[in-house]
């Protein structure tokens, strides 16, 4: 739980947030299994399945957000990288043109 709370402080990193919540959900799921097996009347524990199902839905939203942010970052990096390369080529060409015009 502490790790989940720590990753909620800015700057938010969706991938880290999703990973921490996934770990927490798995821990809660294991605790639910132990609780269900330890109880005398496991049929009265249907609320656990409902809660875990809702947690999975929320995790899917976090996964989708993490993937969206990651793909946006990759596009931005790719765009930046290609723009930087393009600019470097233009700069070198301009430099060569200046040198040849002065010679």
N, C-alpha and C. Protein backbone atom coordinates (compact mmCIF):
# COMPACT_ATOMS: atom_id res chain seq x y z
N UNK A 1 0.83 -1.19 0.00
CA UNK A 1 0.00 0.00 0.00
C UNK A 1 0.88 1.25 0.00
N UNK A 2 1.97 1.23 0.75
CA UNK A 2 2.85 2.39 0.81
C UNK A 2 3.43 2.73 -0.56
N UNK A 3 3.79 1.70 -1.31
CA UNK A 3 4.34 1.92 -2.66
C UNK A 3 3.29 2.56 -3.58
N UNK A 4 2.05 2.15 -3.44
CA UNK A 4 0.98 2.73 -4.25
C UNK A 4 0.81 4.20 -3.91
N UNK A 5 0.82 4.50 -2.63
CA UNK A 5 0.65 5.89 -2.20
C UNK A 5 1.83 6.74 -2.68
N UNK A 6 3.05 6.22 -2.59
CA UNK A 6 4.22 6.96 -3.05
C UNK A 6 4.16 7.28 -4.54
N UNK A 7 3.67 6.35 -5.33
CA UNK A 7 3.65 6.60 -6.78
C UNK A 7 2.51 7.53 -7.19
N UNK A 8 1.65 7.91 -6.24
CA UNK A 8 0.58 8.86 -6.55
C UNK A 8 1.05 10.31 -6.49
N UNK A 9 2.25 10.54 -5.93
CA UNK A 9 2.79 11.90 -5.88
C UNK A 9 3.32 12.30 -7.25
N UNK A 10 3.14 13.58 -7.60
CA UNK A 10 3.65 14.04 -8.89
C UNK A 10 5.16 13.92 -8.98
N UNK A 11 5.71 13.73 -10.12
CA UNK A 11 5.03 13.54 -11.40
C UNK A 11 4.51 12.11 -11.51
N UNK A 12 3.29 11.99 -11.99
CA UNK A 12 2.67 10.67 -12.12
C UNK A 12 3.28 9.92 -13.30
N UNK A 13 3.58 8.67 -13.07
CA UNK A 13 4.08 7.80 -14.12
C UNK A 13 3.09 6.65 -14.27
N UNK A 14 2.25 6.69 -15.31
CA UNK A 14 1.20 5.69 -15.46
C UNK A 14 1.71 4.25 -15.44
N UNK A 15 2.87 3.99 -16.03
CA UNK A 15 3.40 2.63 -16.06
C UNK A 15 3.73 2.15 -14.64
N UNK A 16 4.34 3.01 -13.84
CA UNK A 16 4.67 2.67 -12.46
C UNK A 16 3.40 2.52 -11.64
N UNK A 17 2.46 3.41 -11.85
CA UNK A 17 1.18 3.36 -11.15
C UNK A 17 0.46 2.04 -11.43
N UNK A 18 0.44 1.65 -12.68
CA UNK A 18 -0.21 0.39 -13.06
C UNK A 18 0.50 -0.80 -12.43
N UNK A 19 1.81 -0.76 -12.40
CA UNK A 19 2.58 -1.87 -11.82
C UNK A 19 2.32 -2.00 -10.32
N UNK A 20 2.30 -0.87 -9.64
CA UNK A 20 2.07 -0.89 -8.19
C UNK A 20 0.65 -1.37 -7.86
N UNK A 21 -0.33 -0.89 -8.62
CA UNK A 21 -1.70 -1.32 -8.37
C UNK A 21 -1.90 -2.80 -8.73
N UNK A 22 -1.19 -3.27 -9.75
CA UNK A 22 -1.27 -4.69 -10.10
C UNK A 22 -0.74 -5.54 -8.95
N UNK A 23 0.39 -5.13 -8.39
CA UNK A 23 0.96 -5.86 -7.25
C UNK A 23 0.01 -5.85 -6.06
N UNK A 24 -0.60 -4.72 -5.80
CA UNK A 24 -1.55 -4.63 -4.70
C UNK A 24 -2.77 -5.52 -4.95
N UNK A 25 -3.27 -5.51 -6.18
CA UNK A 25 -4.42 -6.34 -6.52
C UNK A 25 -4.10 -7.83 -6.36
N UNK A 26 -2.91 -8.22 -6.77
CA UNK A 26 -2.51 -9.62 -6.59
C UNK A 26 -2.42 -9.99 -5.12
N UNK A 27 -1.89 -9.10 -4.31
CA UNK A 27 -1.81 -9.36 -2.87
C UNK A 27 -3.19 -9.48 -2.25
N UNK A 28 -4.09 -8.60 -2.63
CA UNK A 28 -5.46 -8.65 -2.11
C UNK A 28 -6.14 -9.92 -2.60
N UNK A 29 -5.88 -10.31 -3.85
CA UNK A 29 -6.46 -11.55 -4.38
C UNK A 29 -6.00 -12.77 -3.60
N UNK A 30 -4.72 -12.82 -3.27
CA UNK A 30 -4.21 -13.94 -2.47
C UNK A 30 -4.82 -13.94 -1.08
N UNK A 31 -4.94 -12.77 -0.49
CA UNK A 31 -5.57 -12.66 0.83
C UNK A 31 -7.02 -13.13 0.75
N UNK A 32 -7.70 -12.80 -0.32
CA UNK A 32 -9.09 -13.23 -0.50
C UNK A 32 -9.19 -14.74 -0.61
N UNK A 33 -8.26 -15.36 -1.33
CA UNK A 33 -8.26 -16.82 -1.43
C UNK A 33 -8.05 -17.49 -0.08
N UNK A 34 -7.12 -16.97 0.69
CA UNK A 34 -6.88 -17.52 2.03
C UNK A 34 -8.11 -17.34 2.90
N UNK A 35 -8.72 -16.17 2.83
CA UNK A 35 -9.91 -15.89 3.63
C UNK A 35 -11.05 -16.81 3.24
N UNK A 36 -11.25 -16.98 1.93
CA UNK A 36 -12.33 -17.83 1.44
C UNK A 36 -12.15 -19.27 1.91
N UNK A 37 -10.93 -19.77 1.85
CA UNK A 37 -10.66 -21.15 2.28
C UNK A 37 -10.74 -21.32 3.79
N UNK A 38 -10.51 -20.26 4.53
CA UNK A 38 -10.54 -20.34 5.99
C UNK A 38 -11.95 -20.21 6.55
N UNK A 39 -12.86 -19.65 5.76
CA UNK A 39 -14.23 -19.43 6.25
C UNK A 39 -15.05 -20.72 6.17
N UNK A 40 -15.95 -20.83 7.11
CA UNK A 40 -16.81 -22.02 7.16
C UNK A 40 -17.86 -21.97 6.06
N UNK A 41 -18.38 -20.79 5.76
CA UNK A 41 -19.41 -20.65 4.73
C UNK A 41 -18.87 -19.82 3.56
N UNK A 42 -18.16 -20.45 2.65
CA UNK A 42 -17.57 -19.70 1.53
C UNK A 42 -18.60 -19.08 0.59
N UNK A 43 -19.83 -19.56 0.62
CA UNK A 43 -20.84 -18.99 -0.27
C UNK A 43 -21.19 -17.55 0.12
N UNK A 44 -20.95 -17.19 1.36
CA UNK A 44 -21.26 -15.82 1.79
C UNK A 44 -20.14 -14.85 1.39
N UNK A 45 -19.14 -15.34 0.68
CA UNK A 45 -18.00 -14.52 0.28
C UNK A 45 -18.09 -14.09 -1.19
N UNK A 46 -19.26 -14.08 -1.76
CA UNK A 46 -19.42 -13.68 -3.16
C UNK A 46 -19.00 -12.23 -3.40
N UNK A 47 -19.11 -11.41 -2.38
CA UNK A 47 -18.72 -10.01 -2.52
C UNK A 47 -17.24 -9.89 -2.84
N UNK A 48 -16.44 -10.87 -2.43
CA UNK A 48 -15.01 -10.83 -2.73
C UNK A 48 -14.79 -10.93 -4.24
N UNK A 49 -15.50 -11.84 -4.89
CA UNK A 49 -15.38 -11.97 -6.34
C UNK A 49 -15.81 -10.69 -7.05
N UNK A 50 -16.90 -10.10 -6.57
CA UNK A 50 -17.37 -8.84 -7.17
C UNK A 50 -16.32 -7.74 -7.02
N UNK A 51 -15.75 -7.64 -5.83
CA UNK A 51 -14.73 -6.60 -5.58
C UNK A 51 -13.50 -6.83 -6.43
N UNK A 52 -13.04 -8.08 -6.52
CA UNK A 52 -11.87 -8.38 -7.34
C UNK A 52 -12.14 -8.10 -8.82
N UNK A 53 -13.35 -8.38 -9.25
CA UNK A 53 -13.71 -8.11 -10.64
C UNK A 53 -13.67 -6.60 -10.93
N UNK A 54 -14.17 -5.82 -10.00
CA UNK A 54 -14.13 -4.36 -10.19
C UNK A 54 -12.70 -3.83 -10.16
N UNK A 55 -11.86 -4.44 -9.32
CA UNK A 55 -10.47 -4.04 -9.27
C UNK A 55 -9.79 -4.34 -10.60
N UNK A 56 -10.13 -5.46 -11.21
CA UNK A 56 -9.57 -5.81 -12.51
C UNK A 56 -9.99 -4.80 -13.59
N UNK A 57 -11.24 -4.35 -13.52
CA UNK A 57 -11.71 -3.33 -14.48
C UNK A 57 -10.89 -2.05 -14.33
N UNK A 58 -10.65 -1.64 -13.10
CA UNK A 58 -9.86 -0.43 -12.85
C UNK A 58 -8.42 -0.62 -13.32
N UNK A 59 -7.88 -1.81 -13.10
CA UNK A 59 -6.52 -2.10 -13.56
C UNK A 59 -6.42 -2.03 -15.08
N UNK A 60 -7.46 -2.49 -15.76
CA UNK A 60 -7.45 -2.43 -17.22
C UNK A 60 -7.42 -0.98 -17.69
N UNK A 61 -8.13 -0.11 -17.00
CA UNK A 61 -8.11 1.31 -17.34
C UNK A 61 -6.71 1.87 -17.14
N UNK A 62 -6.06 1.50 -16.03
CA UNK A 62 -4.68 1.95 -15.79
C UNK A 62 -3.73 1.41 -16.85
N UNK A 63 -3.91 0.16 -17.24
CA UNK A 63 -3.06 -0.43 -18.29
C UNK A 63 -3.22 0.33 -19.60
N UNK A 64 -4.47 0.61 -19.96
CA UNK A 64 -4.73 1.35 -21.20
C UNK A 64 -4.09 2.73 -21.15
N UNK A 65 -4.20 3.41 -20.00
CA UNK A 65 -3.59 4.73 -19.85
C UNK A 65 -2.07 4.65 -19.96
N UNK A 66 -1.49 3.65 -19.34
CA UNK A 66 -0.03 3.48 -19.39
C UNK A 66 0.43 3.23 -20.82
N UNK A 67 -0.30 2.40 -21.54
CA UNK A 67 0.05 2.11 -22.94
C UNK A 67 -0.09 3.36 -23.79
N UNK A 68 -1.16 4.13 -23.56
CA UNK A 68 -1.39 5.35 -24.34
C UNK A 68 -0.27 6.36 -24.10
N UNK A 69 0.12 6.54 -22.84
CA UNK A 69 1.19 7.48 -22.52
C UNK A 69 2.51 7.00 -23.12
N UNK A 70 2.77 5.71 -23.01
CA UNK A 70 4.01 5.16 -23.55
C UNK A 70 4.08 5.34 -25.06
N UNK A 71 2.98 5.08 -25.76
CA UNK A 71 3.00 5.23 -27.21
C UNK A 71 3.15 6.70 -27.61
N UNK A 72 2.55 7.60 -26.84
CA UNK A 72 2.70 9.04 -27.10
C UNK A 72 4.14 9.46 -26.90
N UNK A 73 4.75 8.96 -25.81
CA UNK A 73 6.15 9.29 -25.56
C UNK A 73 7.05 8.76 -26.66
N UNK A 74 6.76 7.56 -27.16
CA UNK A 74 7.56 6.99 -28.22
C UNK A 74 7.42 7.80 -29.51
N UNK A 75 6.18 8.24 -29.81
CA UNK A 75 5.98 9.06 -31.02
C UNK A 75 6.72 10.38 -30.87
N UNK A 76 6.63 10.99 -29.67
CA UNK A 76 7.31 12.27 -29.44
C UNK A 76 8.82 12.09 -29.56
N UNK A 77 9.34 11.00 -28.99
CA UNK A 77 10.78 10.75 -29.07
C UNK A 77 11.19 10.51 -30.51
N UNK A 78 10.39 9.73 -31.20
CA UNK A 78 10.70 9.44 -32.60
C UNK A 78 10.68 10.72 -33.42
N UNK A 79 9.69 11.55 -33.19
CA UNK A 79 9.57 12.82 -33.91
C UNK A 79 10.75 13.72 -33.56
N UNK A 80 11.08 13.80 -32.27
CA UNK A 80 12.20 14.62 -31.83
C UNK A 80 13.50 14.11 -32.43
N UNK A 81 13.67 12.80 -32.39
CA UNK A 81 14.89 12.20 -32.91
C UNK A 81 15.05 12.46 -34.39
N UNK A 82 13.98 12.27 -35.15
CA UNK A 82 14.08 12.48 -36.59
C UNK A 82 14.23 13.97 -36.90
N UNK A 83 13.57 14.85 -36.13
CA UNK A 83 13.73 16.29 -36.33
C UNK A 83 15.16 16.71 -36.00
N UNK A 84 15.72 16.14 -34.94
CA UNK A 84 17.09 16.47 -34.56
C UNK A 84 18.05 16.02 -35.64
N UNK A 85 17.85 14.81 -36.17
CA UNK A 85 18.72 14.30 -37.23
C UNK A 85 18.58 15.16 -38.48
N UNK A 86 17.36 15.50 -38.80
CA UNK A 86 17.11 16.33 -39.99
C UNK A 86 17.79 17.68 -39.82
N UNK A 87 17.65 18.27 -38.64
CA UNK A 87 18.26 19.58 -38.39
C UNK A 87 19.78 19.50 -38.44
N UNK A 88 20.33 18.41 -37.92
CA UNK A 88 21.78 18.24 -37.96
C UNK A 88 22.28 18.15 -39.41
N UNK A 89 21.54 17.47 -40.26
CA UNK A 89 21.91 17.36 -41.69
C UNK A 89 21.82 18.73 -42.35
N UNK A 90 20.77 19.47 -42.05
CA UNK A 90 20.60 20.81 -42.62
C UNK A 90 21.75 21.72 -42.18
N UNK A 91 22.09 21.64 -40.87
CA UNK A 91 23.18 22.46 -40.35
C UNK A 91 24.50 22.13 -41.05
N UNK A 92 24.79 20.83 -41.22
CA UNK A 92 26.02 20.43 -41.89
C UNK A 92 26.04 20.89 -43.35
N UNK A 93 24.91 20.78 -44.02
CA UNK A 93 24.82 21.21 -45.42
C UNK A 93 25.05 22.71 -45.53
N UNK A 94 24.44 23.47 -44.62
CA UNK A 94 24.65 24.93 -44.62
C UNK A 94 26.11 25.28 -44.39
N UNK A 95 26.74 24.55 -43.48
CA UNK A 95 28.14 24.80 -43.18
C UNK A 95 29.02 24.51 -44.40
N UNK A 96 28.72 23.41 -45.08
CA UNK A 96 29.48 23.07 -46.29
C UNK A 96 29.26 24.12 -47.37
N UNK A 97 28.01 24.59 -47.52
CA UNK A 97 27.71 25.61 -48.51
C UNK A 97 28.48 26.88 -48.20
N UNK A 98 28.56 27.26 -46.93
CA UNK A 98 29.30 28.48 -46.55
C UNK A 98 30.78 28.32 -46.87
N UNK A 99 31.33 27.14 -46.56
CA UNK A 99 32.75 26.92 -46.80
C UNK A 99 33.06 26.94 -48.28
N UNK A 100 32.20 26.37 -49.10
CA UNK A 100 32.47 26.33 -50.54
C UNK A 100 32.24 27.69 -51.17
N UNK A 101 31.35 28.48 -50.63
CA UNK A 101 31.12 29.81 -51.21
C UNK A 101 32.23 30.78 -50.85
N UNK A 102 32.90 30.58 -49.72
CA UNK A 102 34.01 31.42 -49.30
C UNK A 102 35.33 31.02 -49.96
N UNK A 103 35.39 29.84 -50.47
CA UNK A 103 36.65 29.34 -51.05
C UNK A 103 36.87 29.77 -52.46
